[in-house]
Amino acid sequence: MRTFTTSCVFNESWEDVAAAVLRKYPNSHNNRVETIDVLDRQADASRLFLHRLMTTNWNIPRWILKFAGIENRAAVNEMFAVDARRQRLVHVSRNISFVGTIRVDETLVYERHPEESDKTILNQRFSVQLWGRPGFHEYFEDFVLRLNRSSMLKGRDGLLEVIARLKSETQEN
């Protein structure tokens, strides 16, 4: 298993970031998401729990997909826990396609910056594990990890794009 962790600070309020996280797709920085379906939604006075199913295609060379025995399209299980009172959003995702071959887990935690209330901290953890094909799985895990590192930057840019779009829509209304 390979794991990567990172963090960053958005110069945006937690409220703006949280709203954008839940509306992140579509954006011009990621065109791989095909569908998002809400499977369950529960809320109380200050918390929202959301369970979604996302269908996406992977940007992986065909020869790797064929060698690994997987397809280009994947289903991803997403769970969100949004706590407005604590100003904390936790987003956990795991692929549900190819579970006997590869597991990809990602956890993103967005929290209000403790010293600067107009900023948001993101802590992100990504892990990948591949089974079978001795000698190949280490290479493929490293490849997926490298691919995701570059996708993280695009994801952050996409989130900023959505924040700007939401702010613009709010000003228009």
N, C-alpha and C. Protein backbone atom coordinates (compact mmCIF):
# COMPACT_ATOMS: atom_id res chain seq x y z
N MET A 1 0.85 -1.18 0.00
CA MET A 1 0.00 0.00 0.00
C MET A 1 0.89 1.23 0.00
N ARG A 2 0.48 2.22 -0.77
CA ARG A 2 1.18 3.49 -0.82
C ARG A 2 0.23 4.57 -0.29
N THR A 3 0.80 5.50 0.49
CA THR A 3 0.00 6.55 1.09
C THR A 3 0.68 7.89 0.90
N PHE A 4 -0.14 8.92 0.73
CA PHE A 4 0.35 10.28 0.58
C PHE A 4 -0.54 11.19 1.41
N THR A 5 0.06 12.08 2.18
CA THR A 5 -0.71 13.07 2.92
C THR A 5 -0.21 14.46 2.58
N THR A 6 -1.12 15.41 2.63
CA THR A 6 -0.76 16.79 2.35
C THR A 6 -1.77 17.71 3.03
N SER A 7 -1.42 18.95 3.11
CA SER A 7 -2.36 19.94 3.64
C SER A 7 -2.14 21.27 2.93
N CYS A 8 -3.14 22.11 2.99
CA CYS A 8 -3.02 23.44 2.41
C CYS A 8 -4.01 24.36 3.10
N VAL A 9 -3.85 25.64 2.86
CA VAL A 9 -4.75 26.65 3.41
C VAL A 9 -5.40 27.38 2.24
N PHE A 10 -6.73 27.45 2.27
CA PHE A 10 -7.48 28.23 1.30
C PHE A 10 -7.73 29.61 1.90
N ASN A 11 -7.53 30.63 1.12
CA ASN A 11 -7.82 32.00 1.55
C ASN A 11 -9.30 32.31 1.34
N GLU A 12 -10.12 31.39 1.81
CA GLU A 12 -11.57 31.49 1.67
C GLU A 12 -12.19 31.02 2.99
N SER A 13 -13.36 31.54 3.29
CA SER A 13 -14.04 31.14 4.53
C SER A 13 -14.44 29.67 4.47
N TRP A 14 -14.62 29.09 5.64
CA TRP A 14 -15.04 27.69 5.70
C TRP A 14 -16.40 27.52 5.04
N GLU A 15 -17.31 28.47 5.24
CA GLU A 15 -18.64 28.38 4.65
C GLU A 15 -18.57 28.31 3.13
N ASP A 16 -17.74 29.16 2.54
CA ASP A 16 -17.60 29.16 1.08
C ASP A 16 -16.97 27.87 0.58
N VAL A 17 -15.94 27.40 1.28
CA VAL A 17 -15.27 26.17 0.87
C VAL A 17 -16.22 24.98 1.00
N ALA A 18 -16.93 24.89 2.11
CA ALA A 18 -17.85 23.77 2.33
C ALA A 18 -18.95 23.74 1.26
N ALA A 19 -19.50 24.89 0.94
CA ALA A 19 -20.53 24.95 -0.10
C ALA A 19 -19.98 24.49 -1.44
N ALA A 20 -18.75 24.88 -1.74
CA ALA A 20 -18.13 24.50 -3.02
C ALA A 20 -17.78 23.02 -3.06
N VAL A 21 -17.34 22.45 -1.94
CA VAL A 21 -17.00 21.02 -1.91
C VAL A 21 -18.21 20.19 -2.34
N LEU A 22 -19.38 20.55 -1.85
CA LEU A 22 -20.58 19.78 -2.16
C LEU A 22 -21.08 20.02 -3.59
N ARG A 23 -20.54 21.04 -4.26
CA ARG A 23 -20.93 21.35 -5.64
C ARG A 23 -19.73 21.35 -6.58
N LYS A 24 -18.71 20.61 -6.23
CA LYS A 24 -17.42 20.69 -6.92
C LYS A 24 -17.48 20.30 -8.40
N TYR A 25 -18.38 19.41 -8.77
CA TYR A 25 -18.45 18.96 -10.16
C TYR A 25 -19.75 19.42 -10.77
N PRO A 26 -19.72 19.88 -12.00
CA PRO A 26 -18.58 19.95 -12.92
C PRO A 26 -17.71 21.19 -12.67
N ASN A 27 -16.45 21.06 -13.09
CA ASN A 27 -15.55 22.22 -13.15
C ASN A 27 -14.56 21.97 -14.28
N SER A 28 -13.93 23.01 -14.76
CA SER A 28 -13.08 22.88 -15.95
C SER A 28 -11.75 22.17 -15.67
N HIS A 29 -11.43 21.93 -14.41
CA HIS A 29 -10.17 21.27 -14.07
C HIS A 29 -10.29 19.76 -13.98
N ASN A 30 -11.52 19.24 -14.01
CA ASN A 30 -11.72 17.80 -13.94
C ASN A 30 -12.95 17.45 -14.77
N ASN A 31 -12.70 16.80 -15.89
CA ASN A 31 -13.80 16.41 -16.77
C ASN A 31 -14.04 14.90 -16.71
N ARG A 32 -13.47 14.22 -15.71
CA ARG A 32 -13.60 12.77 -15.62
C ARG A 32 -14.84 12.30 -14.87
N VAL A 33 -15.50 13.18 -14.12
CA VAL A 33 -16.70 12.78 -13.39
C VAL A 33 -17.86 12.72 -14.37
N GLU A 34 -18.51 11.56 -14.43
CA GLU A 34 -19.62 11.38 -15.36
C GLU A 34 -20.97 11.54 -14.68
N THR A 35 -21.14 10.97 -13.50
CA THR A 35 -22.41 11.07 -12.79
C THR A 35 -22.17 11.17 -11.29
N ILE A 36 -23.12 11.80 -10.60
CA ILE A 36 -23.15 11.83 -9.14
C ILE A 36 -24.59 11.61 -8.72
N ASP A 37 -24.81 10.58 -7.92
CA ASP A 37 -26.14 10.28 -7.42
C ASP A 37 -26.14 10.33 -5.90
N VAL A 38 -27.12 11.01 -5.33
CA VAL A 38 -27.28 11.05 -3.87
C VAL A 38 -28.05 9.81 -3.46
N LEU A 39 -27.43 8.99 -2.60
CA LEU A 39 -28.07 7.77 -2.13
C LEU A 39 -28.80 7.96 -0.81
N ASP A 40 -28.26 8.85 0.03
CA ASP A 40 -28.88 9.11 1.33
C ASP A 40 -28.47 10.50 1.80
N ARG A 41 -29.39 11.15 2.51
CA ARG A 41 -29.11 12.47 3.06
C ARG A 41 -29.86 12.58 4.38
N GLN A 42 -29.11 12.97 5.42
CA GLN A 42 -29.72 13.18 6.73
C GLN A 42 -29.19 14.49 7.28
N ALA A 43 -30.03 15.20 7.99
CA ALA A 43 -29.62 16.48 8.55
C ALA A 43 -30.31 16.72 9.87
N ASP A 44 -29.64 17.51 10.71
CA ASP A 44 -30.28 18.03 11.91
C ASP A 44 -29.95 19.51 11.98
N ALA A 45 -30.03 20.11 13.13
CA ALA A 45 -29.89 21.57 13.24
C ALA A 45 -28.56 22.10 12.72
N SER A 46 -27.47 21.36 12.90
CA SER A 46 -26.17 21.90 12.47
C SER A 46 -25.32 20.91 11.68
N ARG A 47 -25.86 19.71 11.42
CA ARG A 47 -25.05 18.70 10.74
C ARG A 47 -25.78 18.13 9.53
N LEU A 48 -24.97 17.78 8.53
CA LEU A 48 -25.46 17.14 7.32
C LEU A 48 -24.62 15.90 7.07
N PHE A 49 -25.29 14.78 6.81
CA PHE A 49 -24.61 13.55 6.43
C PHE A 49 -25.10 13.19 5.04
N LEU A 50 -24.17 12.96 4.15
CA LEU A 50 -24.50 12.75 2.75
C LEU A 50 -23.75 11.54 2.23
N HIS A 51 -24.45 10.67 1.52
CA HIS A 51 -23.86 9.48 0.90
C HIS A 51 -24.14 9.56 -0.59
N ARG A 52 -23.06 9.59 -1.38
CA ARG A 52 -23.21 9.71 -2.83
C ARG A 52 -22.46 8.61 -3.55
N LEU A 53 -22.90 8.34 -4.75
CA LEU A 53 -22.21 7.43 -5.65
C LEU A 53 -21.76 8.24 -6.87
N MET A 54 -20.47 8.19 -7.15
CA MET A 54 -19.91 8.95 -8.26
C MET A 54 -19.35 7.97 -9.28
N THR A 55 -19.63 8.22 -10.54
CA THR A 55 -19.03 7.44 -11.63
C THR A 55 -18.01 8.32 -12.33
N THR A 56 -16.82 7.79 -12.52
CA THR A 56 -15.73 8.57 -13.11
C THR A 56 -14.93 7.69 -14.05
N ASN A 57 -14.21 8.31 -14.95
CA ASN A 57 -13.27 7.54 -15.76
C ASN A 57 -11.86 7.93 -15.35
N TRP A 58 -10.99 6.97 -15.40
CA TRP A 58 -9.61 7.17 -14.96
C TRP A 58 -8.76 7.61 -16.14
N ASN A 59 -7.80 8.42 -15.88
CA ASN A 59 -6.87 8.89 -16.90
C ASN A 59 -5.61 8.02 -16.85
N ILE A 60 -5.78 6.74 -17.18
CA ILE A 60 -4.70 5.76 -17.08
C ILE A 60 -4.48 5.13 -18.45
N PRO A 61 -3.24 4.95 -18.88
CA PRO A 61 -2.97 4.32 -20.18
C PRO A 61 -3.66 2.96 -20.31
N ARG A 62 -4.15 2.68 -21.50
CA ARG A 62 -4.89 1.44 -21.75
C ARG A 62 -4.08 0.19 -21.43
N TRP A 63 -2.79 0.19 -21.72
CA TRP A 63 -2.00 -1.01 -21.48
C TRP A 63 -1.94 -1.34 -19.99
N ILE A 64 -1.94 -0.32 -19.15
CA ILE A 64 -1.93 -0.57 -17.70
C ILE A 64 -3.28 -1.13 -17.27
N LEU A 65 -4.36 -0.56 -17.79
CA LEU A 65 -5.69 -1.06 -17.46
C LEU A 65 -5.83 -2.53 -17.87
N LYS A 66 -5.36 -2.84 -19.07
CA LYS A 66 -5.46 -4.22 -19.56
C LYS A 66 -4.61 -5.15 -18.72
N PHE A 67 -3.40 -4.75 -18.41
CA PHE A 67 -2.50 -5.59 -17.62
C PHE A 67 -3.05 -5.81 -16.22
N ALA A 68 -3.65 -4.77 -15.64
CA ALA A 68 -4.20 -4.87 -14.27
C ALA A 68 -5.56 -5.56 -14.27
N GLY A 69 -6.17 -5.69 -15.45
CA GLY A 69 -7.46 -6.36 -15.53
C GLY A 69 -8.62 -5.50 -15.04
N ILE A 70 -8.52 -4.19 -15.25
CA ILE A 70 -9.59 -3.29 -14.81
C ILE A 70 -10.05 -2.43 -15.99
N GLU A 71 -11.21 -1.81 -15.81
CA GLU A 71 -11.78 -0.96 -16.83
C GLU A 71 -11.44 0.50 -16.56
N ASN A 72 -11.74 1.35 -17.52
CA ASN A 72 -11.46 2.79 -17.39
C ASN A 72 -12.51 3.50 -16.54
N ARG A 73 -13.70 2.96 -16.42
CA ARG A 73 -14.78 3.58 -15.65
C ARG A 73 -14.83 2.96 -14.26
N ALA A 74 -15.00 3.82 -13.25
CA ALA A 74 -15.04 3.34 -11.87
C ALA A 74 -16.18 3.99 -11.11
N ALA A 75 -16.74 3.26 -10.17
CA ALA A 75 -17.73 3.80 -9.25
C ALA A 75 -17.05 4.07 -7.92
N VAL A 76 -17.38 5.20 -7.34
CA VAL A 76 -16.74 5.64 -6.10
C VAL A 76 -17.83 5.95 -5.07
N ASN A 77 -17.66 5.40 -3.88
CA ASN A 77 -18.55 5.65 -2.76
C ASN A 77 -18.04 6.87 -2.01
N GLU A 78 -18.90 7.88 -1.84
CA GLU A 78 -18.51 9.11 -1.14
C GLU A 78 -19.39 9.31 0.08
N MET A 79 -18.75 9.64 1.20
CA MET A 79 -19.47 9.96 2.43
C MET A 79 -19.02 11.35 2.89
N PHE A 80 -20.00 12.17 3.25
CA PHE A 80 -19.71 13.51 3.74
C PHE A 80 -20.34 13.66 5.12
N ALA A 81 -19.59 14.28 6.02
CA ALA A 81 -20.13 14.69 7.32
C ALA A 81 -19.79 16.17 7.47
N VAL A 82 -20.82 16.99 7.47
CA VAL A 82 -20.64 18.43 7.56
C VAL A 82 -21.19 18.89 8.90
N ASP A 83 -20.33 19.51 9.70
CA ASP A 83 -20.74 20.01 11.01
C ASP A 83 -20.57 21.53 11.00
N ALA A 84 -21.67 22.25 10.80
CA ALA A 84 -21.61 23.70 10.71
C ALA A 84 -21.21 24.34 12.04
N ARG A 85 -21.63 23.75 13.14
CA ARG A 85 -21.30 24.32 14.45
C ARG A 85 -19.79 24.27 14.70
N ARG A 86 -19.17 23.14 14.37
CA ARG A 86 -17.71 22.99 14.56
C ARG A 86 -16.92 23.50 13.36
N GLN A 87 -17.62 23.87 12.30
CA GLN A 87 -17.02 24.30 11.04
C GLN A 87 -15.98 23.28 10.57
N ARG A 88 -16.50 22.08 10.33
CA ARG A 88 -15.67 20.94 9.92
C ARG A 88 -16.45 20.12 8.90
N LEU A 89 -15.80 19.80 7.78
CA LEU A 89 -16.38 18.94 6.76
C LEU A 89 -15.40 17.80 6.53
N VAL A 90 -15.89 16.58 6.63
CA VAL A 90 -15.07 15.39 6.37
C VAL A 90 -15.65 14.69 5.15
N HIS A 91 -14.80 14.43 4.18
CA HIS A 91 -15.20 13.76 2.94
C HIS A 91 -14.32 12.52 2.79
N VAL A 92 -14.97 11.36 2.79
CA VAL A 92 -14.26 10.08 2.67
C VAL A 92 -14.75 9.39 1.41
N SER A 93 -13.83 8.92 0.59
CA SER A 93 -14.23 8.21 -0.63
C SER A 93 -13.41 6.93 -0.80
N ARG A 94 -14.06 5.95 -1.43
CA ARG A 94 -13.41 4.67 -1.74
C ARG A 94 -14.04 4.10 -2.99
N ASN A 95 -13.20 3.56 -3.86
CA ASN A 95 -13.73 2.93 -5.05
C ASN A 95 -14.53 1.69 -4.66
N ILE A 96 -15.62 1.44 -5.39
CA ILE A 96 -16.35 0.20 -5.20
C ILE A 96 -16.27 -0.67 -6.45
N SER A 97 -15.63 -0.16 -7.47
CA SER A 97 -15.29 -0.97 -8.64
C SER A 97 -13.92 -1.60 -8.40
N PHE A 98 -13.71 -2.77 -8.94
CA PHE A 98 -12.41 -3.44 -8.91
C PHE A 98 -11.93 -3.75 -7.50
N VAL A 99 -12.84 -3.97 -6.55
CA VAL A 99 -12.43 -4.13 -5.15
C VAL A 99 -11.53 -5.33 -4.93
N GLY A 100 -11.55 -6.32 -5.78
CA GLY A 100 -10.64 -7.46 -5.64
C GLY A 100 -9.27 -7.21 -6.24
N THR A 101 -9.13 -6.08 -6.94
CA THR A 101 -7.87 -5.77 -7.62
C THR A 101 -7.17 -4.55 -7.03
N ILE A 102 -7.93 -3.49 -6.81
CA ILE A 102 -7.34 -2.24 -6.34
C ILE A 102 -8.30 -1.56 -5.37
N ARG A 103 -7.71 -0.93 -4.35
CA ARG A 103 -8.50 -0.12 -3.43
C ARG A 103 -7.86 1.26 -3.36
N VAL A 104 -8.69 2.27 -3.57
CA VAL A 104 -8.24 3.66 -3.50
C VAL A 104 -9.10 4.36 -2.45
N ASP A 105 -8.45 4.88 -1.42
CA ASP A 105 -9.12 5.59 -0.34
C ASP A 105 -8.62 7.02 -0.29
N GLU A 106 -9.55 7.95 -0.03
CA GLU A 106 -9.15 9.34 0.13
C GLU A 106 -9.99 9.95 1.25
N THR A 107 -9.33 10.69 2.12
CA THR A 107 -10.00 11.42 3.18
C THR A 107 -9.57 12.86 3.12
N LEU A 108 -10.55 13.75 3.07
CA LEU A 108 -10.29 15.19 3.07
C LEU A 108 -11.02 15.79 4.26
N VAL A 109 -10.30 16.57 5.05
CA VAL A 109 -10.90 17.24 6.21
C VAL A 109 -10.68 18.74 6.04
N TYR A 110 -11.80 19.46 5.93
CA TYR A 110 -11.78 20.91 5.80
C TYR A 110 -12.22 21.51 7.13
N GLU A 111 -11.41 22.40 7.69
CA GLU A 111 -11.74 23.04 8.96
C GLU A 111 -11.41 24.52 8.91
N ARG A 112 -12.19 25.27 9.67
CA ARG A 112 -11.92 26.70 9.80
C ARG A 112 -10.53 26.87 10.42
N HIS A 113 -9.76 27.76 9.84
CA HIS A 113 -8.41 28.04 10.37
C HIS A 113 -8.55 28.55 11.80
N PRO A 114 -7.78 28.00 12.75
CA PRO A 114 -7.97 28.38 14.15
C PRO A 114 -7.59 29.83 14.47
N GLU A 115 -6.67 30.41 13.70
CA GLU A 115 -6.25 31.80 13.99
C GLU A 115 -6.82 32.82 13.02
N GLU A 116 -7.19 32.38 11.83
CA GLU A 116 -7.68 33.30 10.81
C GLU A 116 -9.03 32.79 10.30
N SER A 117 -10.09 33.36 10.82
CA SER A 117 -11.43 32.83 10.54
C SER A 117 -11.85 32.96 9.08
N ASP A 118 -11.16 33.77 8.31
CA ASP A 118 -11.49 33.91 6.89
C ASP A 118 -10.73 32.92 6.01
N LYS A 119 -10.07 31.93 6.64
CA LYS A 119 -9.31 30.93 5.90
C LYS A 119 -9.76 29.52 6.31
N THR A 120 -9.47 28.56 5.45
CA THR A 120 -9.85 27.17 5.68
C THR A 120 -8.64 26.27 5.48
N ILE A 121 -8.47 25.32 6.38
CA ILE A 121 -7.38 24.34 6.29
C ILE A 121 -7.93 23.04 5.70
N LEU A 122 -7.19 22.49 4.76
CA LEU A 122 -7.51 21.18 4.19
C LEU A 122 -6.39 20.22 4.56
N ASN A 123 -6.74 19.10 5.19
CA ASN A 123 -5.82 17.99 5.41
C ASN A 123 -6.33 16.83 4.57
N GLN A 124 -5.43 16.27 3.77
CA GLN A 124 -5.82 15.27 2.78
C GLN A 124 -4.93 14.04 2.90
N ARG A 125 -5.56 12.86 2.85
CA ARG A 125 -4.83 11.59 2.88
C ARG A 125 -5.35 10.72 1.74
N PHE A 126 -4.42 10.18 0.97
CA PHE A 126 -4.75 9.34 -0.18
C PHE A 126 -3.94 8.06 -0.06
N SER A 127 -4.59 6.92 -0.26
CA SER A 127 -3.85 5.65 -0.26
C SER A 127 -4.37 4.76 -1.38
N VAL A 128 -3.46 3.94 -1.88
CA VAL A 128 -3.80 3.00 -2.95
C VAL A 128 -3.15 1.67 -2.63
N GLN A 129 -3.90 0.59 -2.88
CA GLN A 129 -3.38 -0.75 -2.67
C GLN A 129 -3.85 -1.64 -3.81
N LEU A 130 -2.93 -2.39 -4.37
CA LEU A 130 -3.22 -3.27 -5.49
C LEU A 130 -2.87 -4.70 -5.09
N TRP A 131 -3.73 -5.64 -5.46
CA TRP A 131 -3.47 -7.06 -5.18
C TRP A 131 -3.17 -7.80 -6.46
N GLY A 132 -2.40 -8.88 -6.34
CA GLY A 132 -2.09 -9.72 -7.49
C GLY A 132 -0.93 -9.20 -8.30
N ARG A 133 -0.61 -9.90 -9.37
CA ARG A 133 0.45 -9.51 -10.29
C ARG A 133 1.74 -9.14 -9.55
N PRO A 134 2.41 -10.11 -8.91
CA PRO A 134 3.65 -9.80 -8.18
C PRO A 134 4.65 -9.03 -9.04
N GLY A 135 5.27 -8.04 -8.43
CA GLY A 135 6.23 -7.21 -9.14
C GLY A 135 5.60 -6.04 -9.86
N PHE A 136 4.32 -6.16 -10.19
CA PHE A 136 3.63 -5.10 -10.90
C PHE A 136 2.91 -4.17 -9.95
N HIS A 137 2.38 -4.72 -8.85
CA HIS A 137 1.51 -3.89 -8.02
C HIS A 137 2.25 -2.71 -7.40
N GLU A 138 3.53 -2.87 -7.08
CA GLU A 138 4.28 -1.72 -6.54
C GLU A 138 4.38 -0.60 -7.57
N TYR A 139 4.69 -0.98 -8.81
CA TYR A 139 4.78 0.00 -9.89
C TYR A 139 3.45 0.71 -10.08
N PHE A 140 2.37 -0.06 -10.14
CA PHE A 140 1.05 0.52 -10.38
C PHE A 140 0.62 1.40 -9.22
N GLU A 141 0.89 0.97 -7.97
CA GLU A 141 0.56 1.81 -6.82
C GLU A 141 1.29 3.14 -6.88
N ASP A 142 2.58 3.09 -7.22
CA ASP A 142 3.35 4.33 -7.35
C ASP A 142 2.80 5.21 -8.47
N PHE A 143 2.42 4.58 -9.57
CA PHE A 143 1.87 5.32 -10.71
C PHE A 143 0.57 6.04 -10.30
N VAL A 144 -0.34 5.32 -9.64
CA VAL A 144 -1.61 5.91 -9.23
C VAL A 144 -1.36 7.01 -8.21
N LEU A 145 -0.40 6.81 -7.32
CA LEU A 145 -0.08 7.84 -6.32
C LEU A 145 0.44 9.11 -6.99
N ARG A 146 1.35 8.96 -7.96
CA ARG A 146 1.86 10.12 -8.69
C ARG A 146 0.74 10.83 -9.45
N LEU A 147 -0.11 10.05 -10.08
CA LEU A 147 -1.24 10.61 -10.82
C LEU A 147 -2.15 11.40 -9.89
N ASN A 148 -2.40 10.87 -8.69
CA ASN A 148 -3.28 11.56 -7.76
C ASN A 148 -2.64 12.82 -7.20
N ARG A 149 -1.34 12.82 -7.00
CA ARG A 149 -0.68 14.05 -6.52
C ARG A 149 -0.93 15.20 -7.47
N SER A 150 -0.82 14.95 -8.77
CA SER A 150 -1.08 16.03 -9.73
C SER A 150 -2.57 16.36 -9.77
N SER A 151 -3.43 15.35 -9.58
CA SER A 151 -4.87 15.59 -9.56
C SER A 151 -5.28 16.43 -8.36
N MET A 152 -4.55 16.30 -7.25
CA MET A 152 -4.87 17.10 -6.06
C MET A 152 -4.79 18.58 -6.36
N LEU A 153 -3.74 18.98 -7.09
CA LEU A 153 -3.60 20.40 -7.43
C LEU A 153 -4.73 20.86 -8.33
N LYS A 154 -5.10 20.02 -9.30
CA LYS A 154 -6.22 20.35 -10.17
C LYS A 154 -7.51 20.42 -9.37
N GLY A 155 -7.66 19.52 -8.40
CA GLY A 155 -8.86 19.52 -7.56
C GLY A 155 -8.98 20.79 -6.76
N ARG A 156 -7.87 21.27 -6.24
CA ARG A 156 -7.88 22.53 -5.48
C ARG A 156 -8.24 23.70 -6.39
N ASP A 157 -7.66 23.72 -7.59
CA ASP A 157 -7.99 24.77 -8.55
C ASP A 157 -9.47 24.70 -8.94
N GLY A 158 -9.98 23.48 -9.11
CA GLY A 158 -11.40 23.30 -9.43
C GLY A 158 -12.29 23.81 -8.32
N LEU A 159 -11.88 23.56 -7.08
CA LEU A 159 -12.65 24.03 -5.93
C LEU A 159 -12.68 25.56 -5.89
N LEU A 160 -11.54 26.18 -6.16
CA LEU A 160 -11.50 27.65 -6.19
C LEU A 160 -12.38 28.20 -7.31
N GLU A 161 -12.41 27.50 -8.44
CA GLU A 161 -13.28 27.91 -9.54
C GLU A 161 -14.75 27.86 -9.12
N VAL A 162 -15.13 26.80 -8.41
CA VAL A 162 -16.51 26.66 -7.97
C VAL A 162 -16.84 27.73 -6.93
N ILE A 163 -15.91 28.03 -6.03
CA ILE A 163 -16.13 29.10 -5.05
C ILE A 163 -16.41 30.42 -5.77
N ALA A 164 -15.59 30.74 -6.76
CA ALA A 164 -15.78 31.98 -7.52
C ALA A 164 -17.13 31.99 -8.22
N ARG A 165 -17.52 30.84 -8.80
CA ARG A 165 -18.81 30.75 -9.49
C ARG A 165 -19.97 30.96 -8.50
N LEU A 166 -19.88 30.33 -7.31
CA LEU A 166 -20.94 30.48 -6.32
C LEU A 166 -21.03 31.92 -5.81
N LYS A 167 -19.90 32.56 -5.62
CA LYS A 167 -19.91 33.96 -5.19
C LYS A 167 -20.54 34.84 -6.26
N SER A 168 -20.23 34.56 -7.50
CA SER A 168 -20.79 35.34 -8.61
C SER A 168 -22.30 35.14 -8.69
N GLU A 169 -22.77 33.91 -8.52
CA GLU A 169 -24.21 33.63 -8.55
C GLU A 169 -24.92 34.34 -7.40
N THR A 170 -24.27 34.38 -6.23
CA THR A 170 -24.86 35.04 -5.06
C THR A 170 -25.00 36.53 -5.30
N GLN A 171 -23.98 37.14 -5.92
CA GLN A 171 -24.01 38.58 -6.20
C GLN A 171 -25.07 38.93 -7.22
N GLU A 172 -25.31 38.02 -8.18
CA GLU A 172 -26.32 38.25 -9.21
C GLU A 172 -27.73 38.23 -8.63
N ASN A 173 -27.92 37.43 -7.58
CA ASN A 173 -29.28 37.30 -7.00
C ASN A 173 -29.45 38.31 -5.96
